[in-house]
C-alpha cells in the first residue's frame, strides 16, 4: 500500500528530508542579511 505513495525507499527518504527542511522557519522580515 505504501508504494502507491512512494515508489521506493529512496523516494521515501527524499520525502522525509523534505518534511524536516519544511520545519525550518521562513525568513524573518526586517532583519539585516
ModelCIF file with pLDDT and N, C-alpha, C, O atoms, coordinates in Angstrom:
data_MODEL
#
_entry.id   MODEL 
#
_entity.id                         1 
_entity.type                       polymer 
_entity.pdbx_number_of_molecules   1 
#
_entity_poly.entity_id                      1 
_entity_poly.type                           'polypeptide(L)' 
_entity_poly.nstd_linkage                   no 
_entity_poly.nstd_monomer                   no 
_entity_poly.pdbx_seq_one_letter_code       
;(UNK)(UNK)(UNK)(UNK)(UNK)(UNK)(UNK)(UNK)(UNK)(UNK)(UNK)(UNK)(UNK)(UNK)(UNK)(UNK)
(UNK)(UNK)(UNK)(UNK)(UNK)(UNK)(UNK)(UNK)(UNK)(UNK)(UNK)(UNK)(UNK)(UNK)(UNK)(UNK)
(UNK)
;
_entity_poly.pdbx_seq_one_letter_code_can   XXXXXXXXXXXXXXXXXXXXXXXXXXXXXXXXX 
_entity_poly.pdbx_strand_id                 A 
#
loop_
_entity_poly_seq.entity_id 
_entity_poly_seq.num 
_entity_poly_seq.mon_id 
_entity_poly_seq.hetero 
1 1  UNK n 
1 2  UNK n 
1 3  UNK n 
1 4  UNK n 
1 5  UNK n 
1 6  UNK n 
1 7  UNK n 
1 8  UNK n 
1 9  UNK n 
1 10 UNK n 
1 11 UNK n 
1 12 UNK n 
1 13 UNK n 
1 14 UNK n 
1 15 UNK n 
1 16 UNK n 
1 17 UNK n 
1 18 UNK n 
1 19 UNK n 
1 20 UNK n 
1 21 UNK n 
1 22 UNK n 
1 23 UNK n 
1 24 UNK n 
1 25 UNK n 
1 26 UNK n 
1 27 UNK n 
1 28 UNK n 
1 29 UNK n 
1 30 UNK n 
1 31 UNK n 
1 32 UNK n 
1 33 UNK n 
#
_struct_asym.id          A 
_struct_asym.entity_id   1 
#
loop_
_ma_qa_metric.id 
_ma_qa_metric.mode 
_ma_qa_metric.name 
_ma_qa_metric.software_group_id 
_ma_qa_metric.type 
1 global pLDDT . pLDDT 
2 local  pLDDT . pLDDT 
#
_ma_qa_metric_global.metric_id      1 
_ma_qa_metric_global.metric_value   94.00 
_ma_qa_metric_global.model_id       1 
_ma_qa_metric_global.ordinal_id     1 
#
loop_
_ma_qa_metric_local.label_asym_id 
_ma_qa_metric_local.label_comp_id 
_ma_qa_metric_local.label_seq_id 
_ma_qa_metric_local.metric_id 
_ma_qa_metric_local.metric_value 
_ma_qa_metric_local.model_id 
_ma_qa_metric_local.ordinal_id 
A UNK 1  2 94.00 1 1  
A UNK 2  2 95.00 1 2  
A UNK 3  2 94.00 1 3  
A UNK 4  2 94.00 1 4  
A UNK 5  2 96.00 1 5  
A UNK 6  2 95.00 1 6  
A UNK 7  2 94.00 1 7  
A UNK 8  2 93.00 1 8  
A UNK 9  2 93.00 1 9  
A UNK 10 2 93.00 1 10 
A UNK 11 2 94.00 1 11 
A UNK 12 2 96.00 1 12 
A UNK 13 2 95.00 1 13 
A UNK 14 2 94.00 1 14 
A UNK 15 2 95.00 1 15 
A UNK 16 2 96.00 1 16 
A UNK 17 2 95.00 1 17 
A UNK 18 2 93.00 1 18 
A UNK 19 2 96.00 1 19 
A UNK 20 2 96.00 1 20 
A UNK 21 2 94.00 1 21 
A UNK 22 2 94.00 1 22 
A UNK 23 2 95.00 1 23 
A UNK 24 2 96.00 1 24 
A UNK 25 2 94.00 1 25 
A UNK 26 2 91.00 1 26 
A UNK 27 2 89.00 1 27 
A UNK 28 2 88.00 1 28 
A UNK 29 2 90.00 1 29 
A UNK 30 2 92.00 1 30 
A UNK 31 2 95.00 1 31 
A UNK 32 2 96.00 1 32 
A UNK 33 2 97.00 1 33 
#
loop_
_atom_site.group_PDB 
_atom_site.id 
_atom_site.type_symbol 
_atom_site.label_atom_id 
_atom_site.label_alt_id 
_atom_site.label_comp_id 
_atom_site.label_asym_id 
_atom_site.label_entity_id 
_atom_site.label_seq_id 
_atom_site.pdbx_PDB_ins_code 
_atom_site.Cartn_x 
_atom_site.Cartn_y 
_atom_site.Cartn_z 
_atom_site.occupancy 
_atom_site.B_iso_or_equiv 
_atom_site.pdbx_formal_charge 
_atom_site.auth_seq_id 
_atom_site.auth_comp_id 
_atom_site.auth_asym_id 
_atom_site.auth_atom_id 
_atom_site.pdbx_PDB_model_num 
ATOM 1   N N  . UNK A 1 1  ? 0.824  -1.207 0.000  1.00 94.00 ? 1  UNK A N  1 
ATOM 2   C CA . UNK A 1 1  ? 0.000  0.000  0.000  1.00 94.00 ? 1  UNK A CA 1 
ATOM 3   C C  . UNK A 1 1  ? 0.862  1.262  0.000  1.00 94.00 ? 1  UNK A C  1 
ATOM 4   O O  . UNK A 1 1  ? 0.435  2.306  -0.495 1.00 94.00 ? 1  UNK A O  1 
ATOM 5   N N  . UNK A 1 2  ? 2.069  1.170  0.552  1.00 95.00 ? 2  UNK A N  1 
ATOM 6   C CA . UNK A 1 2  ? 2.950  2.343  0.617  1.00 95.00 ? 2  UNK A CA 1 
ATOM 7   C C  . UNK A 1 2  ? 3.440  2.750  -0.767 1.00 95.00 ? 2  UNK A C  1 
ATOM 8   O O  . UNK A 1 2  ? 3.674  3.929  -1.033 1.00 95.00 ? 2  UNK A O  1 
ATOM 9   N N  . UNK A 1 3  ? 3.593  1.752  -1.653 1.00 94.00 ? 3  UNK A N  1 
ATOM 10  C CA . UNK A 1 3  ? 4.184  2.039  -2.961 1.00 94.00 ? 3  UNK A CA 1 
ATOM 11  C C  . UNK A 1 3  ? 3.232  2.814  -3.873 1.00 94.00 ? 3  UNK A C  1 
ATOM 12  O O  . UNK A 1 3  ? 3.627  3.242  -4.958 1.00 94.00 ? 3  UNK A O  1 
ATOM 13  N N  . UNK A 1 4  ? 2.000  2.995  -3.447 1.00 94.00 ? 4  UNK A N  1 
ATOM 14  C CA . UNK A 1 4  ? 1.099  3.882  -4.194 1.00 94.00 ? 4  UNK A CA 1 
ATOM 15  C C  . UNK A 1 4  ? 1.448  5.345  -3.935 1.00 94.00 ? 4  UNK A C  1 
ATOM 16  O O  . UNK A 1 4  ? 1.022  6.232  -4.676 1.00 94.00 ? 4  UNK A O  1 
ATOM 17  N N  . UNK A 1 5  ? 2.228  5.593  -2.876 1.00 96.00 ? 5  UNK A N  1 
ATOM 18  C CA . UNK A 1 5  ? 2.528  6.973  -2.472 1.00 96.00 ? 5  UNK A CA 1 
ATOM 19  C C  . UNK A 1 5  ? 4.022  7.300  -2.544 1.00 96.00 ? 5  UNK A C  1 
ATOM 20  O O  . UNK A 1 5  ? 4.395  8.456  -2.747 1.00 96.00 ? 5  UNK A O  1 
ATOM 21  N N  . UNK A 1 6  ? 4.874  6.288  -2.378 1.00 95.00 ? 6  UNK A N  1 
ATOM 22  C CA . UNK A 1 6  ? 6.322  6.451  -2.561 1.00 95.00 ? 6  UNK A CA 1 
ATOM 23  C C  . UNK A 1 6  ? 6.817  5.252  -3.349 1.00 95.00 ? 6  UNK A C  1 
ATOM 24  O O  . UNK A 1 6  ? 6.553  4.108  -2.978 1.00 95.00 ? 6  UNK A O  1 
ATOM 25  N N  . UNK A 1 7  ? 7.528  5.507  -4.427 1.00 94.00 ? 7  UNK A N  1 
ATOM 26  C CA . UNK A 1 7  ? 7.885  4.434  -5.350 1.00 94.00 ? 7  UNK A CA 1 
ATOM 27  C C  . UNK A 1 7  ? 8.997  3.532  -4.833 1.00 94.00 ? 7  UNK A C  1 
ATOM 28  O O  . UNK A 1 7  ? 9.144  2.402  -5.297 1.00 94.00 ? 7  UNK A O  1 
ATOM 29  N N  . UNK A 1 8  ? 9.787  4.027  -3.866 1.00 93.00 ? 8  UNK A N  1 
ATOM 30  C CA . UNK A 1 8  ? 10.938 3.264  -3.393 1.00 93.00 ? 8  UNK A CA 1 
ATOM 31  C C  . UNK A 1 8  ? 11.383 3.800  -2.043 1.00 93.00 ? 8  UNK A C  1 
ATOM 32  O O  . UNK A 1 8  ? 10.892 4.827  -1.575 1.00 93.00 ? 8  UNK A O  1 
ATOM 33  N N  . UNK A 1 9  ? 12.319 3.092  -1.421 1.00 93.00 ? 9  UNK A N  1 
ATOM 34  C CA . UNK A 1 9  ? 12.873 3.549  -0.149 1.00 93.00 ? 9  UNK A CA 1 
ATOM 35  C C  . UNK A 1 9  ? 13.605 4.881  -0.340 1.00 93.00 ? 9  UNK A C  1 
ATOM 36  O O  . UNK A 1 9  ? 13.542 5.751  0.529  1.00 93.00 ? 9  UNK A O  1 
ATOM 37  N N  . UNK A 1 10 ? 14.291 5.042  -1.458 1.00 93.00 ? 10 UNK A N  1 
ATOM 38  C CA . UNK A 1 10 ? 14.998 6.291  -1.712 1.00 93.00 ? 10 UNK A CA 1 
ATOM 39  C C  . UNK A 1 10 ? 14.033 7.463  -1.851 1.00 93.00 ? 10 UNK A C  1 
ATOM 40  O O  . UNK A 1 10 ? 14.308 8.558  -1.360 1.00 93.00 ? 10 UNK A O  1 
ATOM 41  N N  . UNK A 1 11 ? 12.913 7.239  -2.513 1.00 94.00 ? 11 UNK A N  1 
ATOM 42  C CA . UNK A 1 11 ? 11.918 8.303  -2.628 1.00 94.00 ? 11 UNK A CA 1 
ATOM 43  C C  . UNK A 1 11 ? 11.328 8.627  -1.262 1.00 94.00 ? 11 UNK A C  1 
ATOM 44  O O  . UNK A 1 11 ? 11.016 9.781  -0.968 1.00 94.00 ? 11 UNK A O  1 
ATOM 45  N N  . UNK A 1 12 ? 11.178 7.601  -0.432 1.00 96.00 ? 12 UNK A N  1 
ATOM 46  C CA . UNK A 1 12 ? 10.703 7.824  0.933  1.00 96.00 ? 12 UNK A CA 1 
ATOM 47  C C  . UNK A 1 12 ? 11.685 8.717  1.691  1.00 96.00 ? 12 UNK A C  1 
ATOM 48  O O  . UNK A 1 12 ? 11.272 9.654  2.374  1.00 96.00 ? 12 UNK A O  1 
ATOM 49  N N  . UNK A 1 13 ? 12.981 8.429  1.573  1.00 95.00 ? 13 UNK A N  1 
ATOM 50  C CA . UNK A 1 13 ? 13.995 9.231  2.264  1.00 95.00 ? 13 UNK A CA 1 
ATOM 51  C C  . UNK A 1 13 ? 14.004 10.667 1.743  1.00 95.00 ? 13 UNK A C  1 
ATOM 52  O O  . UNK A 1 13 ? 14.135 11.612 2.522  1.00 95.00 ? 13 UNK A O  1 
ATOM 53  N N  . UNK A 1 14 ? 13.865 10.830 0.430  1.00 94.00 ? 14 UNK A N  1 
ATOM 54  C CA . UNK A 1 14 ? 13.785 12.185 -0.139 1.00 94.00 ? 14 UNK A CA 1 
ATOM 55  C C  . UNK A 1 14 ? 12.625 12.951 0.490  1.00 94.00 ? 14 UNK A C  1 
ATOM 56  O O  . UNK A 1 14 ? 12.758 14.114 0.870  1.00 94.00 ? 14 UNK A O  1 
ATOM 57  N N  . UNK A 1 15 ? 11.491 12.274 0.589  1.00 95.00 ? 15 UNK A N  1 
ATOM 58  C CA . UNK A 1 15 ? 10.319 12.920 1.157  1.00 95.00 ? 15 UNK A CA 1 
ATOM 59  C C  . UNK A 1 15 ? 10.485 13.249 2.624  1.00 95.00 ? 15 UNK A C  1 
ATOM 60  O O  . UNK A 1 15 ? 10.000 14.278 3.094  1.00 95.00 ? 15 UNK A O  1 
ATOM 61  N N  . UNK A 1 16 ? 11.173 12.375 3.356  1.00 96.00 ? 16 UNK A N  1 
ATOM 62  C CA . UNK A 1 16 ? 11.426 12.634 4.773  1.00 96.00 ? 16 UNK A CA 1 
ATOM 63  C C  . UNK A 1 16 ? 12.315 13.870 4.947  1.00 96.00 ? 16 UNK A C  1 
ATOM 64  O O  . UNK A 1 16 ? 12.098 14.677 5.850  1.00 96.00 ? 16 UNK A O  1 
ATOM 65  N N  . UNK A 1 17 ? 13.313 14.005 4.076  1.00 95.00 ? 17 UNK A N  1 
ATOM 66  C CA . UNK A 1 17 ? 14.152 15.206 4.104  1.00 95.00 ? 17 UNK A CA 1 
ATOM 67  C C  . UNK A 1 17 ? 13.301 16.443 3.873  1.00 95.00 ? 17 UNK A C  1 
ATOM 68  O O  . UNK A 1 17 ? 13.489 17.464 4.535  1.00 95.00 ? 17 UNK A O  1 
ATOM 69  N N  . UNK A 1 18 ? 12.371 16.357 2.942  1.00 93.00 ? 18 UNK A N  1 
ATOM 70  C CA . UNK A 1 18 ? 11.501 17.492 2.653  1.00 93.00 ? 18 UNK A CA 1 
ATOM 71  C C  . UNK A 1 18 ? 10.670 17.876 3.871  1.00 93.00 ? 18 UNK A C  1 
ATOM 72  O O  . UNK A 1 18 ? 10.473 19.061 4.143  1.00 93.00 ? 18 UNK A O  1 
ATOM 73  N N  . UNK A 1 19 ? 10.179 16.872 4.610  1.00 96.00 ? 19 UNK A N  1 
ATOM 74  C CA . UNK A 1 19 ? 9.396  17.148 5.817  1.00 96.00 ? 19 UNK A CA 1 
ATOM 75  C C  . UNK A 1 19 ? 10.240 17.888 6.843  1.00 96.00 ? 19 UNK A C  1 
ATOM 76  O O  . UNK A 1 19 ? 9.772  18.847 7.456  1.00 96.00 ? 19 UNK A O  1 
ATOM 77  N N  . UNK A 1 20 ? 11.484 17.448 7.034  1.00 96.00 ? 20 UNK A N  1 
ATOM 78  C CA . UNK A 1 20 ? 12.356 18.073 8.032  1.00 96.00 ? 20 UNK A CA 1 
ATOM 79  C C  . UNK A 1 20 ? 12.729 19.496 7.615  1.00 96.00 ? 20 UNK A C  1 
ATOM 80  O O  . UNK A 1 20 ? 12.674 20.419 8.427  1.00 96.00 ? 20 UNK A O  1 
ATOM 81  N N  . UNK A 1 21 ? 13.107 19.670 6.351  1.00 94.00 ? 21 UNK A N  1 
ATOM 82  C CA . UNK A 1 21 ? 13.507 21.002 5.871  1.00 94.00 ? 21 UNK A CA 1 
ATOM 83  C C  . UNK A 1 21 ? 12.333 21.975 5.958  1.00 94.00 ? 21 UNK A C  1 
ATOM 84  O O  . UNK A 1 21 ? 12.531 23.168 6.189  1.00 94.00 ? 21 UNK A O  1 
ATOM 85  N N  . UNK A 1 22 ? 11.126 21.475 5.777  1.00 94.00 ? 22 UNK A N  1 
ATOM 86  C CA . UNK A 1 22 ? 9.941  22.333 5.873  1.00 94.00 ? 22 UNK A CA 1 
ATOM 87  C C  . UNK A 1 22 ? 9.728  22.851 7.293  1.00 94.00 ? 22 UNK A C  1 
ATOM 88  O O  . UNK A 1 22 ? 8.966  23.797 7.494  1.00 94.00 ? 22 UNK A O  1 
ATOM 89  N N  . UNK A 1 23 ? 10.388 22.246 8.279  1.00 95.00 ? 23 UNK A N  1 
ATOM 90  C CA . UNK A 1 23 ? 10.283 22.719 9.658  1.00 95.00 ? 23 UNK A CA 1 
ATOM 91  C C  . UNK A 1 23 ? 11.142 23.953 9.919  1.00 95.00 ? 23 UNK A C  1 
ATOM 92  O O  . UNK A 1 23 ? 10.986 24.604 10.952 1.00 95.00 ? 23 UNK A O  1 
ATOM 93  N N  . UNK A 1 24 ? 12.048 24.281 8.997  1.00 96.00 ? 24 UNK A N  1 
ATOM 94  C CA . UNK A 1 24 ? 12.898 25.465 9.170  1.00 96.00 ? 24 UNK A CA 1 
ATOM 95  C C  . UNK A 1 24 ? 12.036 26.714 9.043  1.00 96.00 ? 24 UNK A C  1 
ATOM 96  O O  . UNK A 1 24 ? 11.225 26.833 8.125  1.00 96.00 ? 24 UNK A O  1 
ATOM 97  N N  . UNK A 1 25 ? 12.223 27.641 9.976  1.00 94.00 ? 25 UNK A N  1 
ATOM 98  C CA . UNK A 1 25 ? 11.417 28.861 9.970  1.00 94.00 ? 25 UNK A CA 1 
ATOM 99  C C  . UNK A 1 25 ? 11.633 29.657 8.682  1.00 94.00 ? 25 UNK A C  1 
ATOM 100 O O  . UNK A 1 25 ? 12.747 29.681 8.159  1.00 94.00 ? 25 UNK A O  1 
ATOM 101 N N  . UNK A 1 26 ? 10.599 30.301 8.169  1.00 91.00 ? 26 UNK A N  1 
ATOM 102 C CA . UNK A 1 26 ? 10.747 31.170 6.999  1.00 91.00 ? 26 UNK A CA 1 
ATOM 103 C C  . UNK A 1 26 ? 11.557 32.410 7.369  1.00 91.00 ? 26 UNK A C  1 
ATOM 104 O O  . UNK A 1 26 ? 11.752 32.686 8.553  1.00 91.00 ? 26 UNK A O  1 
ATOM 105 N N  . UNK A 1 27 ? 12.031 33.159 6.375  1.00 89.00 ? 27 UNK A N  1 
ATOM 106 C CA . UNK A 1 27 ? 12.805 34.368 6.661  1.00 89.00 ? 27 UNK A CA 1 
ATOM 107 C C  . UNK A 1 27 ? 12.021 35.347 7.526  1.00 89.00 ? 27 UNK A C  1 
ATOM 108 O O  . UNK A 1 27 ? 10.823 35.542 7.322  1.00 89.00 ? 27 UNK A O  1 
ATOM 109 N N  . UNK A 1 28 ? 12.695 35.955 8.485  1.00 88.00 ? 28 UNK A N  1 
ATOM 110 C CA . UNK A 1 28 ? 12.051 36.951 9.337  1.00 88.00 ? 28 UNK A CA 1 
ATOM 111 C C  . UNK A 1 28 ? 12.177 38.321 8.677  1.00 88.00 ? 28 UNK A C  1 
ATOM 112 O O  . UNK A 1 28 ? 13.285 38.737 8.337  1.00 88.00 ? 28 UNK A O  1 
ATOM 113 N N  . UNK A 1 29 ? 11.068 39.025 8.490  1.00 90.00 ? 29 UNK A N  1 
ATOM 114 C CA . UNK A 1 29 ? 11.130 40.334 7.839  1.00 90.00 ? 29 UNK A CA 1 
ATOM 115 C C  . UNK A 1 29 ? 11.808 41.364 8.736  1.00 90.00 ? 29 UNK A C  1 
ATOM 116 O O  . UNK A 1 29 ? 11.757 41.281 9.963  1.00 90.00 ? 29 UNK A O  1 
ATOM 117 N N  . UNK A 1 30 ? 12.445 42.336 8.086  1.00 92.00 ? 30 UNK A N  1 
ATOM 118 C CA . UNK A 1 30 ? 13.014 43.463 8.822  1.00 92.00 ? 30 UNK A CA 1 
ATOM 119 C C  . UNK A 1 30 ? 14.406 43.263 9.376  1.00 92.00 ? 30 UNK A C  1 
ATOM 120 O O  . UNK A 1 30 ? 14.940 44.165 10.022 1.00 92.00 ? 30 UNK A O  1 
ATOM 121 N N  . UNK A 1 31 ? 15.026 42.086 9.141  1.00 95.00 ? 31 UNK A N  1 
ATOM 122 C CA . UNK A 1 31 ? 16.369 41.841 9.660  1.00 95.00 ? 31 UNK A CA 1 
ATOM 123 C C  . UNK A 1 31 ? 17.408 42.153 8.592  1.00 95.00 ? 31 UNK A C  1 
ATOM 124 O O  . UNK A 1 31 ? 17.142 41.996 7.400  1.00 95.00 ? 31 UNK A O  1 
ATOM 125 N N  . UNK A 1 32 ? 18.595 42.596 9.013  1.00 96.00 ? 32 UNK A N  1 
ATOM 126 C CA . UNK A 1 32 ? 19.687 42.744 8.061  1.00 96.00 ? 32 UNK A CA 1 
ATOM 127 C C  . UNK A 1 32 ? 20.129 41.351 7.626  1.00 96.00 ? 32 UNK A C  1 
ATOM 128 O O  . UNK A 1 32 ? 19.809 40.362 8.286  1.00 96.00 ? 32 UNK A O  1 
ATOM 129 N N  . UNK A 1 33 ? 20.868 41.270 6.510  1.00 97.00 ? 33 UNK A N  1 
ATOM 130 C CA . UNK A 1 33 ? 21.168 39.981 5.905  1.00 97.00 ? 33 UNK A CA 1 
ATOM 131 C C  . UNK A 1 33 ? 21.924 39.053 6.851  1.00 97.00 ? 33 UNK A C  1 
ATOM 132 O O  . UNK A 1 33 ? 22.248 37.925 6.480  1.00 97.00 ? 33 UNK A O  1 
#
